[in-house]
Amino acid sequence: MNNNSREAGDYPSLSDINVIIPTLNEEQGIGRVLDELAEVGVPLRNVIVVDGNSVDRTREVAREKGAVVVIQEGRGKADAIKTGIRHADKDYVLVMDGDCTYPPGEIPRLLHACAEKSCDEVIGARINGKENMPALHRLGNKLLTMFFNALFGTGLRDVLSGMYLVKKDSLVGALFEFRGFSVESEIAAHIAGTGGRVCEVPITYRKRCGEAKLRALHGFNIALDMLRLSWRYNPASTIFIIGGVILIPGLILGAYAGYHYFFTGIKYYVKGLAAIIMTLTGLMSISLGILSLYLKRLELRLIALQRRIIEKKE
């Protein structure tokens, strides 16, 4: 048996979580979502609907169902989640959308995976029901997840899923700097970058109720935000990428100038000098990346030691 496994009685219960639902004009879906949460066994008094000043009856429907409704501070999904976390009083926080796309029936599986695998975050990976997602969004999600994995050394399949369970204490120190749909990658980057464990559970993605809010342009913004996150949490990967981008053209240019110098007698002094500068800069960047990698490992060891000390005191 895995040392990280727990007895069935040790699993966190549905009463141990706060469900945070960011909403903006979700009158068509929020009632159904809350009904399904109640059917699963989530106490609606633990559900926090964070509304971004909807102009429809989203807030009224949520209150009628028994959920806690708070007005979002700031703008964008990241500020909505940050507002919800400030109002949360349970050990676990589950974030999901209010547009019917994520089945509340998957929540117990996320809770069990969190305990079984000792995860700090469990993402509901949208493996089933992909036909309910526009083709362009499917492609963008796959590319962005691959990009995230390359930057942070993870093996995720759906980092941008809007349904995920997080241990609240693992969010200590998260800046929530980015607005909009980058918040999912920011949370995963914070946990992975501070020595936490991010896991996945395959879930079914359903057809949404109401109008979609995600646009193609958001994908470019998310990619840029991922680069910024890698510089904050895992700078070694960014430095390696920059070093490679400079080094490889420098080597190619150097080979070109060297070939003509030795075999044709043509002397490309400017190109040769540029090749030397690019090659040396690339090598220095990669050396800096290696140093950064060792410093990151040292940081993770210190974080792990700090956590063990805190656990012993508790």
Protein backbone atom coordinates (compact mmCIF):
# COMPACT_ATOMS: atom_id res chain seq x y z
CA MET A 1 0.00 0.00 0.00
CA ASN A 2 1.21 3.49 -0.78
CA ASN A 3 2.51 5.33 2.27
CA ASN A 4 0.48 8.35 1.26
CA SER A 5 -2.81 6.47 1.20
CA ARG A 6 -5.36 7.00 3.96
CA GLU A 7 -8.14 5.07 5.57
CA ALA A 8 -11.63 5.71 4.23
CA GLY A 9 -12.58 7.60 7.39
CA ASP A 10 -9.74 10.04 6.83
CA TYR A 11 -11.15 11.39 3.59
CA PRO A 12 -12.30 15.00 3.82
CA SER A 13 -16.06 15.19 3.74
CA LEU A 14 -18.25 17.45 1.65
CA SER A 15 -18.82 19.61 4.73
CA ASP A 16 -15.06 20.33 4.86
CA ILE A 17 -15.09 22.39 1.66
CA ASN A 18 -16.19 25.79 0.48
CA VAL A 19 -17.39 25.84 -3.11
CA ILE A 20 -16.54 29.11 -4.83
CA ILE A 21 -18.56 29.94 -7.95
CA PRO A 22 -17.54 33.10 -9.85
CA THR A 23 -20.55 34.40 -11.77
CA LEU A 24 -21.39 37.06 -14.31
CA ASN A 25 -24.88 36.89 -15.80
CA GLU A 26 -25.31 33.17 -15.07
CA GLU A 27 -29.06 33.23 -14.36
CA GLN A 28 -29.61 30.38 -16.82
CA GLY A 29 -27.22 28.01 -15.07
CA ILE A 30 -26.65 28.94 -11.43
CA GLY A 31 -29.92 27.46 -10.15
CA ARG A 32 -29.23 24.08 -11.73
CA VAL A 33 -25.64 24.06 -10.44
CA LEU A 34 -26.77 24.79 -6.87
CA ASP A 35 -29.48 22.11 -7.04
CA GLU A 36 -26.90 19.57 -8.18
CA LEU A 37 -24.50 20.59 -5.41
CA ALA A 38 -27.27 20.01 -2.86
CA GLU A 39 -28.03 16.60 -4.40
CA VAL A 40 -24.38 15.58 -4.05
CA GLY A 41 -24.43 16.55 -0.37
CA VAL A 42 -22.64 19.90 -0.33
CA PRO A 43 -24.27 22.18 2.27
CA LEU A 44 -25.38 25.25 0.35
CA ARG A 45 -24.38 27.43 3.30
CA ASN A 46 -20.80 26.49 2.34
CA VAL A 47 -21.26 27.63 -1.27
CA ILE A 48 -19.95 31.12 -1.99
CA VAL A 49 -21.32 32.70 -5.16
CA VAL A 50 -19.02 35.60 -6.05
CA ASP A 51 -20.92 37.82 -8.44
CA GLY A 52 -19.28 40.35 -10.73
CA ASN A 53 -22.27 42.74 -10.79
CA SER A 54 -24.56 40.67 -13.00
CA VAL A 55 -27.39 42.53 -14.69
CA ASP A 56 -29.71 39.51 -14.64
CA ARG A 57 -31.16 37.57 -11.66
CA THR A 58 -28.02 35.56 -10.86
CA ARG A 59 -27.73 36.89 -7.30
CA GLU A 60 -31.44 36.53 -6.56
CA VAL A 61 -31.54 32.91 -7.76
CA ALA A 62 -28.44 32.02 -5.72
CA ARG A 63 -29.88 33.57 -2.55
CA GLU A 64 -33.21 31.81 -3.04
CA LYS A 65 -31.37 28.48 -3.23
CA GLY A 66 -29.54 29.16 0.05
CA ALA A 67 -26.03 30.00 -1.15
CA VAL A 68 -23.89 32.78 0.29
CA VAL A 69 -23.73 35.64 -2.23
CA VAL A 70 -20.95 38.21 -2.13
CA ILE A 71 -20.16 41.02 -4.54
CA GLN A 72 -16.82 40.65 -6.25
CA GLU A 73 -14.02 43.02 -5.31
CA GLY A 74 -12.11 44.17 -8.39
CA ARG A 75 -12.63 42.81 -11.89
CA GLY A 76 -12.04 39.52 -13.67
CA LYS A 77 -12.12 35.90 -12.62
CA ALA A 78 -8.92 36.11 -10.55
CA ASP A 79 -10.37 38.85 -8.35
CA ALA A 80 -13.59 36.85 -8.00
CA ILE A 81 -11.70 33.79 -6.74
CA LYS A 82 -9.58 35.95 -4.43
CA THR A 83 -12.78 37.45 -3.00
CA GLY A 84 -14.23 33.98 -2.48
CA ILE A 85 -11.12 32.71 -0.70
CA ARG A 86 -11.28 35.65 1.72
CA HIS A 87 -14.81 34.57 2.67
CA ALA A 88 -13.96 30.85 2.87
CA ASP A 89 -13.72 29.28 6.34
CA LYS A 90 -13.11 25.61 5.47
CA ASP A 91 -9.88 23.65 4.96
CA TYR A 92 -10.54 23.00 1.28
CA VAL A 93 -11.71 25.28 -1.50
CA LEU A 94 -13.34 23.97 -4.67
CA VAL A 95 -13.67 26.36 -7.59
CA MET A 96 -16.17 25.70 -10.37
CA ASP A 97 -18.10 27.72 -12.92
CA GLY A 98 -21.79 28.50 -12.68
CA ASP A 99 -22.60 27.69 -16.31
CA CYS A 100 -23.49 23.96 -15.92
CA THR A 101 -20.30 22.79 -17.68
CA TYR A 102 -18.81 21.07 -14.61
CA PRO A 103 -20.82 18.27 -12.92
CA PRO A 104 -20.93 18.63 -9.10
CA GLY A 105 -21.13 14.83 -8.97
CA GLU A 106 -17.37 14.77 -9.66
CA ILE A 107 -16.53 16.57 -6.39
CA PRO A 108 -16.24 13.43 -4.18
CA ARG A 109 -13.69 11.99 -6.63
CA LEU A 110 -11.58 15.14 -6.36
CA LEU A 111 -11.73 14.95 -2.56
CA HIS A 112 -10.69 11.30 -2.55
CA ALA A 113 -7.81 11.95 -4.96
CA CYS A 114 -6.63 14.83 -2.78
CA ALA A 115 -6.38 12.49 0.22
CA GLU A 116 -5.17 9.36 -1.58
CA LYS A 117 -2.37 11.09 -3.45
CA SER A 118 -1.58 13.73 -0.81
CA CYS A 119 -2.21 16.50 -3.34
CA ASP A 120 -2.32 20.22 -2.66
CA GLU A 121 -4.44 20.76 -5.77
CA VAL A 122 -6.60 18.37 -7.75
CA ILE A 123 -7.65 19.55 -11.20
CA GLY A 124 -10.72 18.14 -12.90
CA ALA A 125 -9.23 17.40 -16.32
CA ARG A 126 -11.85 17.71 -19.06
CA ILE A 127 -11.14 14.35 -20.70
CA ASN A 128 -14.73 13.31 -21.44
CA GLY A 129 -17.23 15.48 -23.27
CA LYS A 130 -14.65 17.36 -25.32
CA GLU A 131 -17.22 17.72 -28.09
CA ASN A 132 -18.96 20.29 -25.87
CA MET A 133 -15.92 22.56 -26.16
CA PRO A 134 -15.33 24.59 -29.36
CA ALA A 135 -12.57 23.10 -31.55
CA LEU A 136 -10.44 26.25 -31.32
CA HIS A 137 -10.66 26.19 -27.53
CA ARG A 138 -9.66 22.50 -27.46
CA LEU A 139 -6.58 23.21 -29.57
CA GLY A 140 -5.64 26.28 -27.54
CA ASN A 141 -6.10 24.43 -24.25
CA LYS A 142 -3.86 21.58 -25.42
CA LEU A 143 -1.11 23.93 -26.62
CA LEU A 144 -1.23 26.06 -23.47
CA THR A 145 -1.12 22.99 -21.23
CA MET A 146 1.92 21.68 -23.13
CA PHE A 147 3.55 25.10 -22.74
CA PHE A 148 2.82 25.10 -19.00
CA ASN A 149 4.26 21.59 -18.62
CA ALA A 150 7.45 22.65 -20.41
CA LEU A 151 7.85 25.69 -18.15
CA PHE A 152 7.09 24.01 -14.84
CA GLY A 153 8.08 20.38 -15.37
CA THR A 154 4.57 19.05 -14.76
CA GLY A 155 2.66 16.37 -16.64
CA LEU A 156 -0.83 17.85 -16.66
CA ARG A 157 -3.47 17.34 -19.31
CA ASP A 158 -5.76 20.29 -18.59
CA VAL A 159 -4.19 23.05 -16.51
CA LEU A 160 -6.90 25.54 -17.51
CA SER A 161 -9.86 23.53 -16.25
CA GLY A 162 -12.36 25.68 -14.36
CA MET A 163 -13.00 22.95 -11.75
CA TYR A 164 -10.31 22.26 -9.18
CA LEU A 165 -9.92 21.52 -5.48
CA VAL A 166 -7.23 23.29 -3.45
CA LYS A 167 -6.05 23.03 0.13
CA LYS A 168 -6.57 26.52 1.43
CA ASP A 169 -3.29 26.66 3.32
CA SER A 170 -1.40 25.90 0.08
CA LEU A 171 -2.56 29.26 -1.29
CA VAL A 172 -0.69 31.21 1.38
CA GLY A 173 1.65 33.57 -0.44
CA ALA A 174 -0.20 33.41 -3.77
CA LEU A 175 -0.29 36.91 -5.23
CA PHE A 176 -3.25 36.50 -7.61
CA GLU A 177 -1.54 39.08 -9.76
CA PHE A 178 -3.13 38.16 -13.08
CA ARG A 179 -6.69 38.86 -14.08
CA GLY A 180 -9.07 36.88 -16.21
CA PHE A 181 -8.60 33.25 -17.18
CA SER A 182 -4.91 33.08 -16.22
CA VAL A 183 -5.86 32.47 -12.59
CA GLU A 184 -6.01 28.69 -13.07
CA SER A 185 -2.43 28.56 -14.32
CA GLU A 186 -1.34 31.00 -11.59
CA ILE A 187 -2.70 28.75 -8.83
CA ALA A 188 -1.11 25.64 -10.36
CA ALA A 189 2.19 27.48 -10.88
CA HIS A 190 2.21 28.73 -7.28
CA ILE A 191 1.61 25.26 -5.85
CA ALA A 192 4.04 23.46 -8.18
CA GLY A 193 6.64 26.21 -7.79
CA THR A 194 6.57 26.10 -3.98
CA GLY A 195 7.03 22.35 -3.67
CA GLY A 196 3.36 21.37 -3.62
CA ARG A 197 1.79 18.53 -5.56
CA VAL A 198 -0.70 19.07 -8.38
CA CYS A 199 -2.81 16.08 -9.45
CA GLU A 200 -5.61 15.46 -11.94
CA VAL A 201 -8.84 13.50 -12.05
CA PRO A 202 -10.61 12.98 -15.40
CA ILE A 203 -14.08 14.53 -15.44
CA THR A 204 -16.87 15.06 -17.95
CA TYR A 205 -17.30 18.47 -19.54
CA ARG A 206 -20.91 19.40 -20.32
CA LYS A 207 -22.59 21.82 -22.67
CA ARG A 208 -22.72 25.27 -21.12
CA CYS A 209 -25.83 27.23 -20.22
CA GLY A 210 -25.77 30.80 -21.47
CA GLU A 211 -23.23 32.77 -23.46
CA ALA A 212 -19.54 31.83 -23.59
CA LYS A 213 -17.12 34.44 -22.21
CA LEU A 214 -13.79 32.97 -23.34
CA ARG A 215 -12.36 34.49 -26.54
CA ALA A 216 -9.43 33.44 -28.74
CA LEU A 217 -7.45 36.53 -27.67
CA HIS A 218 -7.50 35.28 -24.08
CA GLY A 219 -5.21 32.41 -25.15
CA PHE A 220 -2.38 34.78 -26.09
CA ASN A 221 -2.75 36.63 -22.79
CA ILE A 222 -2.64 33.35 -20.88
CA ALA A 223 0.56 32.30 -22.69
CA LEU A 224 2.24 35.61 -21.80
CA ASP A 225 1.11 35.26 -18.20
CA MET A 226 2.57 31.75 -18.07
CA LEU A 227 5.94 33.16 -19.11
CA ARG A 228 5.72 35.75 -16.34
CA LEU A 229 4.75 33.04 -13.86
CA SER A 230 7.71 30.89 -14.87
CA TRP A 231 10.04 33.83 -14.20
CA ARG A 232 8.57 34.13 -10.71
CA TYR A 233 8.29 30.46 -9.74
CA ASN A 234 10.70 28.59 -12.02
CA PRO A 235 13.15 31.04 -13.62
CA ALA A 236 15.52 28.26 -14.71
CA SER A 237 13.18 27.16 -17.50
CA THR A 238 12.82 30.72 -18.82
CA ILE A 239 16.58 31.27 -18.72
CA PHE A 240 17.18 27.98 -20.57
CA ILE A 241 14.70 28.99 -23.27
CA ILE A 242 16.30 32.42 -23.70
CA GLY A 243 19.76 30.87 -23.75
CA GLY A 244 18.73 28.32 -26.37
CA VAL A 245 17.09 30.96 -28.55
CA ILE A 246 20.36 32.93 -28.56
CA LEU A 247 22.83 30.03 -28.66
CA ILE A 248 21.41 28.00 -31.55
CA PRO A 249 21.35 30.86 -34.12
CA GLY A 250 24.81 31.87 -32.89
CA LEU A 251 26.18 28.38 -33.57
CA ILE A 252 24.54 28.27 -37.00
CA LEU A 253 25.88 31.70 -37.92
CA GLY A 254 29.31 30.74 -36.59
CA ALA A 255 29.35 27.55 -38.65
CA TYR A 256 28.40 29.55 -41.76
CA ALA A 257 31.12 32.17 -41.19
CA GLY A 258 33.69 29.51 -40.29
CA TYR A 259 32.96 27.42 -43.38
CA HIS A 260 33.52 30.35 -45.72
CA TYR A 261 36.63 31.48 -43.82
CA PHE A 262 38.37 28.09 -44.08
CA PHE A 263 37.03 26.72 -47.39
CA THR A 264 36.16 29.63 -49.68
CA GLY A 265 38.42 32.35 -48.33
CA ILE A 266 35.52 34.77 -47.83
CA LYS A 267 35.90 36.57 -44.51
CA TYR A 268 32.62 37.51 -42.85
CA TYR A 269 34.03 39.53 -39.95
CA VAL A 270 30.75 41.10 -38.84
CA LYS A 271 28.86 37.81 -39.00
CA GLY A 272 31.70 36.05 -37.23
CA LEU A 273 31.76 38.63 -34.45
CA ALA A 274 27.98 38.42 -34.10
CA ALA A 275 28.23 34.62 -33.91
CA ILE A 276 30.84 34.81 -31.14
CA ILE A 277 28.76 37.29 -29.12
CA MET A 278 25.56 35.25 -29.53
CA THR A 279 27.28 31.96 -28.67
CA LEU A 280 28.96 33.36 -25.57
CA THR A 281 25.73 35.05 -24.44
CA GLY A 282 23.79 31.82 -24.95
CA LEU A 283 26.36 29.79 -23.01
CA MET A 284 26.33 32.32 -20.18
CA SER A 285 22.52 32.21 -20.07
CA ILE A 286 22.51 28.42 -19.88
CA SER A 287 25.14 28.53 -17.12
CA LEU A 288 22.96 31.00 -15.24
CA GLY A 289 20.00 28.67 -15.77
CA ILE A 290 21.92 25.76 -14.23
CA LEU A 291 22.78 27.92 -11.22
CA SER A 292 19.14 28.99 -10.94
CA LEU A 293 18.07 25.34 -11.06
CA TYR A 294 20.32 24.44 -8.13
CA LEU A 295 19.04 27.45 -6.16
CA LYS A 296 15.45 26.37 -6.87
CA ARG A 297 16.17 22.88 -5.56
CA LEU A 298 17.65 24.41 -2.42
CA GLU A 299 14.55 26.57 -2.01
CA LEU A 300 12.25 23.53 -2.32
CA ARG A 301 14.27 21.66 0.30
CA LEU A 302 13.98 24.60 2.69
CA ILE A 303 10.22 24.80 2.08
CA ALA A 304 9.87 21.05 2.74
CA LEU A 305 11.90 21.39 5.95
CA GLN A 306 9.75 24.31 7.07
CA ARG A 307 6.58 22.28 6.48
CA ARG A 308 7.91 19.33 8.47
CA ILE A 309 8.77 21.63 11.38
CA ILE A 310 5.27 23.16 11.30
CA GLU A 311 3.64 19.70 11.18
CA LYS A 312 5.65 18.55 14.21
CA LYS A 313 4.60 21.62 16.18
CA GLU A 314 0.95 20.98 15.34
